[in-house]
Amino acid sequence: MLDSRPAARRRPWREAALWLIALTVTFESVSVVVAEPRADSRERNWPCRQILVGRLSVAAVWSGPSIEGLAWRNDQAVADIVARLAARRTPLDEAERAIEDLSQSQGAGKTEKLVAVFAGLFETLNDERSQVIEGLLRFGAKQKELAEKIRAENALPREGPGQPPPDAGKQDGETGARDLEWDLRVFDERRQSLTYVCETPALIEQRLFALARVIQRSLE
């Protein structure tokens, strides 16, 4: 439904909304530093509600034979199935059936082949997860920079909604308001896009756990 109020009447409401959003940005960006004053730069840039956990350890997902030093890439058949199983476009139930089929087809060499497959899955999915985390950390750093820019642009919390800085000309004030509105919109759209991406490391971890479980069951 279109707002029929004159632009002059709509402006104070828009400016008040921008002021409230800018204040929220200020509180959110400061809260990270206040909550974790001793956190390193990686933790300070972490933009997700989930706890930041770096690379996974083998012991956390695997209780089978050691995979240390396994050159799984040297076996093309293993490398091919690892690529297929690791890909999230491959449904998990299909990946689990592929492991069971591989187990049944290997005979005496089953253990060696399955352990090599797990080694490949662990390395591949752990690397993929780390890449997602690094991307999120870069994203978080950019959000912090944008929040600082918004705070620098935003004089409204100091002057009150709708009150321009004392010596600013009308044109400069309008330009500044447009810049602030644009930056707030970008900040908010980025924040909304985080919901799915922040879940991605956990989804990769869950996939690795599930496939490791099937492999270990097939070793018995």
Protein backbone atom coordinates (compact mmCIF):
# COMPACT_ATOMS: atom_id res chain seq x y z
CA MET A 1 0.00 0.00 0.00
CA LEU A 2 1.41 3.36 -1.03
CA ASP A 3 2.00 6.02 1.60
CA SER A 4 -0.10 9.04 0.62
CA ARG A 5 1.49 11.38 3.14
CA PRO A 6 3.50 14.29 1.66
CA ALA A 7 7.26 13.74 1.45
CA ALA A 8 7.85 16.47 4.05
CA ARG A 9 5.73 14.54 6.55
CA ARG A 10 7.30 11.17 5.70
CA ARG A 11 10.91 12.34 6.14
CA PRO A 12 10.93 12.57 9.97
CA TRP A 13 9.60 9.02 10.21
CA ARG A 14 12.26 7.75 7.78
CA GLU A 15 15.02 9.60 9.62
CA ALA A 16 13.83 8.27 12.97
CA ALA A 17 13.90 4.72 11.59
CA LEU A 18 17.43 5.24 10.29
CA TRP A 19 18.49 6.58 13.66
CA LEU A 20 17.16 3.49 15.46
CA ILE A 21 18.87 1.14 12.99
CA ALA A 22 22.14 3.03 13.28
CA LEU A 23 21.92 2.83 17.06
CA THR A 24 21.40 -0.95 16.77
CA VAL A 25 24.50 -1.21 14.55
CA THR A 26 26.49 0.69 17.17
CA PHE A 27 25.37 -1.59 20.00
CA GLU A 28 25.99 -4.78 18.00
CA SER A 29 29.44 -3.85 16.79
CA VAL A 30 30.60 -2.67 20.22
CA SER A 31 29.15 -5.67 22.07
CA VAL A 32 31.65 -8.09 20.51
CA VAL A 33 34.61 -6.17 21.88
CA VAL A 34 32.99 -5.69 25.28
CA ALA A 35 32.02 -9.37 25.59
CA GLU A 36 35.43 -10.70 24.51
CA PRO A 37 38.08 -8.09 25.38
CA ARG A 38 40.90 -10.64 25.12
CA ALA A 39 39.73 -12.32 21.91
CA ASP A 40 42.17 -12.42 19.02
CA SER A 41 41.38 -10.71 15.72
CA ARG A 42 39.84 -13.87 14.25
CA GLU A 43 37.36 -14.18 17.11
CA ARG A 44 36.55 -10.46 17.06
CA ASN A 45 35.73 -10.70 13.35
CA TRP A 46 33.56 -13.81 13.72
CA PRO A 47 30.07 -12.67 12.59
CA CYS A 48 28.02 -15.74 13.59
CA ARG A 49 26.18 -16.67 16.78
CA GLN A 50 27.69 -20.15 16.59
CA ILE A 51 30.93 -20.67 18.52
CA LEU A 52 34.01 -20.37 16.31
CA VAL A 53 35.77 -23.73 16.04
CA GLY A 54 38.75 -23.96 13.69
CA ARG A 55 39.87 -27.12 11.96
CA LEU A 56 38.40 -30.41 13.16
CA SER A 57 40.55 -33.10 14.73
CA VAL A 58 40.48 -36.66 13.46
CA ALA A 59 39.80 -37.96 16.97
CA ALA A 60 36.58 -35.95 17.14
CA VAL A 61 35.02 -37.87 14.24
CA TRP A 62 36.94 -41.14 13.85
CA SER A 63 37.86 -44.06 16.07
CA GLY A 64 39.07 -46.37 13.30
CA PRO A 65 42.60 -47.12 12.04
CA SER A 66 45.09 -44.28 11.75
CA ILE A 67 44.92 -42.19 8.57
CA GLU A 68 48.21 -40.40 9.15
CA GLY A 69 50.34 -40.26 6.02
CA LEU A 70 47.78 -42.02 3.80
CA ALA A 71 48.30 -40.95 0.17
CA TRP A 72 44.66 -41.43 -0.78
CA ARG A 73 44.97 -39.26 -3.89
CA ASN A 74 47.32 -41.82 -5.44
CA ASP A 75 44.37 -44.18 -5.84
CA GLN A 76 42.20 -42.70 -8.59
CA ALA A 77 39.20 -44.84 -7.65
CA VAL A 78 39.38 -43.56 -4.07
CA ALA A 79 39.86 -39.96 -5.22
CA ASP A 80 36.80 -40.25 -7.48
CA ILE A 81 34.51 -41.62 -4.79
CA VAL A 82 35.78 -39.06 -2.26
CA ALA A 83 34.87 -36.25 -4.65
CA ARG A 84 31.40 -37.74 -5.12
CA LEU A 85 30.76 -38.34 -1.41
CA ALA A 86 32.07 -34.95 -0.29
CA ALA A 87 29.91 -32.98 -2.72
CA ARG A 88 26.85 -31.60 -0.94
CA ARG A 89 24.86 -32.01 -4.14
CA THR A 90 25.09 -35.76 -3.51
CA PRO A 91 22.23 -36.63 -1.11
CA LEU A 92 23.49 -38.08 2.14
CA ASP A 93 21.49 -41.30 1.82
CA GLU A 94 22.96 -41.82 -1.66
CA ALA A 95 26.46 -41.22 -0.31
CA GLU A 96 25.89 -43.73 2.48
CA ARG A 97 24.70 -46.37 -0.02
CA ALA A 98 27.79 -45.75 -2.14
CA ILE A 99 30.01 -46.49 0.86
CA GLU A 100 28.12 -49.69 1.61
CA ASP A 101 28.37 -50.77 -2.05
CA LEU A 102 32.10 -50.08 -2.02
CA SER A 103 32.51 -52.10 1.14
CA GLN A 104 30.71 -55.11 -0.31
CA SER A 105 32.72 -55.01 -3.53
CA GLN A 106 36.21 -54.93 -2.01
CA GLY A 107 36.67 -58.34 -0.43
CA ALA A 108 39.97 -58.71 1.43
CA GLY A 109 41.05 -55.15 0.57
CA LYS A 110 37.98 -53.59 2.15
CA THR A 111 39.65 -52.10 5.21
CA GLU A 112 42.48 -50.41 3.31
CA LYS A 113 40.10 -48.94 0.75
CA LEU A 114 37.54 -47.66 3.26
CA VAL A 115 40.17 -46.10 5.51
CA ALA A 116 41.63 -44.33 2.48
CA VAL A 117 38.14 -43.04 1.59
CA PHE A 118 37.72 -41.65 5.10
CA ALA A 119 41.14 -40.01 4.92
CA GLY A 120 40.09 -38.30 1.71
CA LEU A 121 36.73 -37.24 3.12
CA PHE A 122 38.29 -35.85 6.28
CA GLU A 123 40.87 -33.79 4.40
CA THR A 124 38.42 -32.60 1.73
CA LEU A 125 35.55 -31.64 4.04
CA ASN A 126 37.85 -30.16 6.69
CA ASP A 127 39.47 -27.96 4.02
CA GLU A 128 36.07 -26.95 2.65
CA ARG A 129 34.85 -26.08 6.14
CA SER A 130 37.99 -24.02 6.81
CA GLN A 131 37.48 -22.09 3.57
CA VAL A 132 33.92 -21.24 4.58
CA ILE A 133 35.13 -20.06 8.00
CA GLU A 134 37.84 -17.89 6.44
CA GLY A 135 35.21 -16.35 4.16
CA LEU A 136 32.97 -15.63 7.15
CA LEU A 137 35.88 -14.00 8.99
CA ARG A 138 36.58 -11.75 6.01
CA PHE A 139 32.86 -10.94 5.87
CA GLY A 140 32.86 -10.12 9.59
CA ALA A 141 35.83 -7.78 9.18
CA LYS A 142 34.04 -5.93 6.37
CA GLN A 143 30.90 -5.64 8.49
CA LYS A 144 32.93 -4.13 11.32
CA GLU A 145 34.47 -1.61 8.91
CA LEU A 146 31.03 -0.71 7.59
CA ALA A 147 29.66 -0.36 11.14
CA GLU A 148 32.50 2.06 11.93
CA LYS A 149 31.70 4.02 8.77
CA ILE A 150 28.01 4.16 9.71
CA ARG A 151 28.85 5.44 13.19
CA ALA A 152 31.12 8.09 11.68
CA GLU A 153 28.38 9.18 9.24
CA ASN A 154 25.62 9.10 11.78
CA ALA A 155 25.25 12.26 13.83
CA LEU A 156 21.64 11.46 14.68
CA PRO A 157 22.23 9.73 18.04
CA ARG A 158 24.06 12.90 19.19
CA GLU A 159 21.77 15.52 17.67
CA GLY A 160 18.45 13.70 17.84
CA PRO A 161 16.28 12.36 15.01
CA GLY A 162 15.79 14.78 12.17
CA GLN A 163 18.31 17.32 13.45
CA PRO A 164 21.18 18.05 11.02
CA PRO A 165 24.67 19.01 12.27
CA PRO A 166 24.69 22.73 13.12
CA ASP A 167 26.93 23.98 10.29
CA ALA A 168 25.92 21.56 7.57
CA GLY A 169 24.33 22.97 4.45
CA LYS A 170 21.07 21.53 3.19
CA GLN A 171 22.66 19.79 0.20
CA ASP A 172 25.45 18.26 2.29
CA GLY A 173 22.89 17.09 4.82
CA GLU A 174 20.78 15.41 2.16
CA THR A 175 23.83 13.73 0.63
CA GLY A 176 24.96 12.51 4.03
CA ALA A 177 21.49 11.12 4.76
CA ARG A 178 21.47 9.24 1.46
CA ASP A 179 24.94 7.80 2.15
CA LEU A 180 23.86 6.75 5.62
CA GLU A 181 20.67 5.18 4.35
CA TRP A 182 22.58 3.25 1.67
CA ASP A 183 25.22 1.99 4.13
CA LEU A 184 22.53 0.92 6.59
CA ARG A 185 20.71 -0.95 3.85
CA VAL A 186 23.91 -2.75 2.76
CA PHE A 187 24.75 -3.59 6.38
CA ASP A 188 21.29 -5.00 7.06
CA GLU A 189 21.11 -7.00 3.81
CA ARG A 190 24.51 -8.54 4.56
CA ARG A 191 23.41 -9.39 8.08
CA GLN A 192 20.25 -11.10 6.83
CA SER A 193 22.27 -13.21 4.37
CA LEU A 194 24.36 -14.60 7.24
CA THR A 195 21.71 -16.98 8.58
CA TYR A 196 22.35 -19.76 6.05
CA VAL A 197 26.08 -19.20 5.60
CA CYS A 198 26.72 -19.35 9.35
CA GLU A 199 25.15 -22.80 9.41
CA THR A 200 27.38 -24.11 6.62
CA PRO A 201 30.39 -25.16 8.76
CA ALA A 202 28.08 -27.19 11.01
CA LEU A 203 26.38 -28.78 7.99
CA ILE A 204 29.77 -29.85 6.60
CA GLU A 205 30.75 -31.21 10.01
CA GLN A 206 27.49 -33.16 10.28
CA ARG A 207 28.07 -34.68 6.84
CA LEU A 208 31.57 -35.78 7.82
CA PHE A 209 30.27 -37.33 11.07
CA ALA A 210 27.54 -39.23 9.23
CA LEU A 211 29.86 -40.61 6.54
CA ALA A 212 32.53 -41.52 9.10
CA ARG A 213 29.91 -43.48 11.03
CA VAL A 214 28.91 -45.46 7.93
CA ILE A 215 32.54 -46.21 7.06
CA GLN A 216 33.32 -47.39 10.59
CA ARG A 217 30.22 -49.59 10.58
CA SER A 218 31.33 -51.09 7.25
CA LEU A 219 34.75 -51.92 8.72
CA GLU A 220 33.24 -54.29 11.28
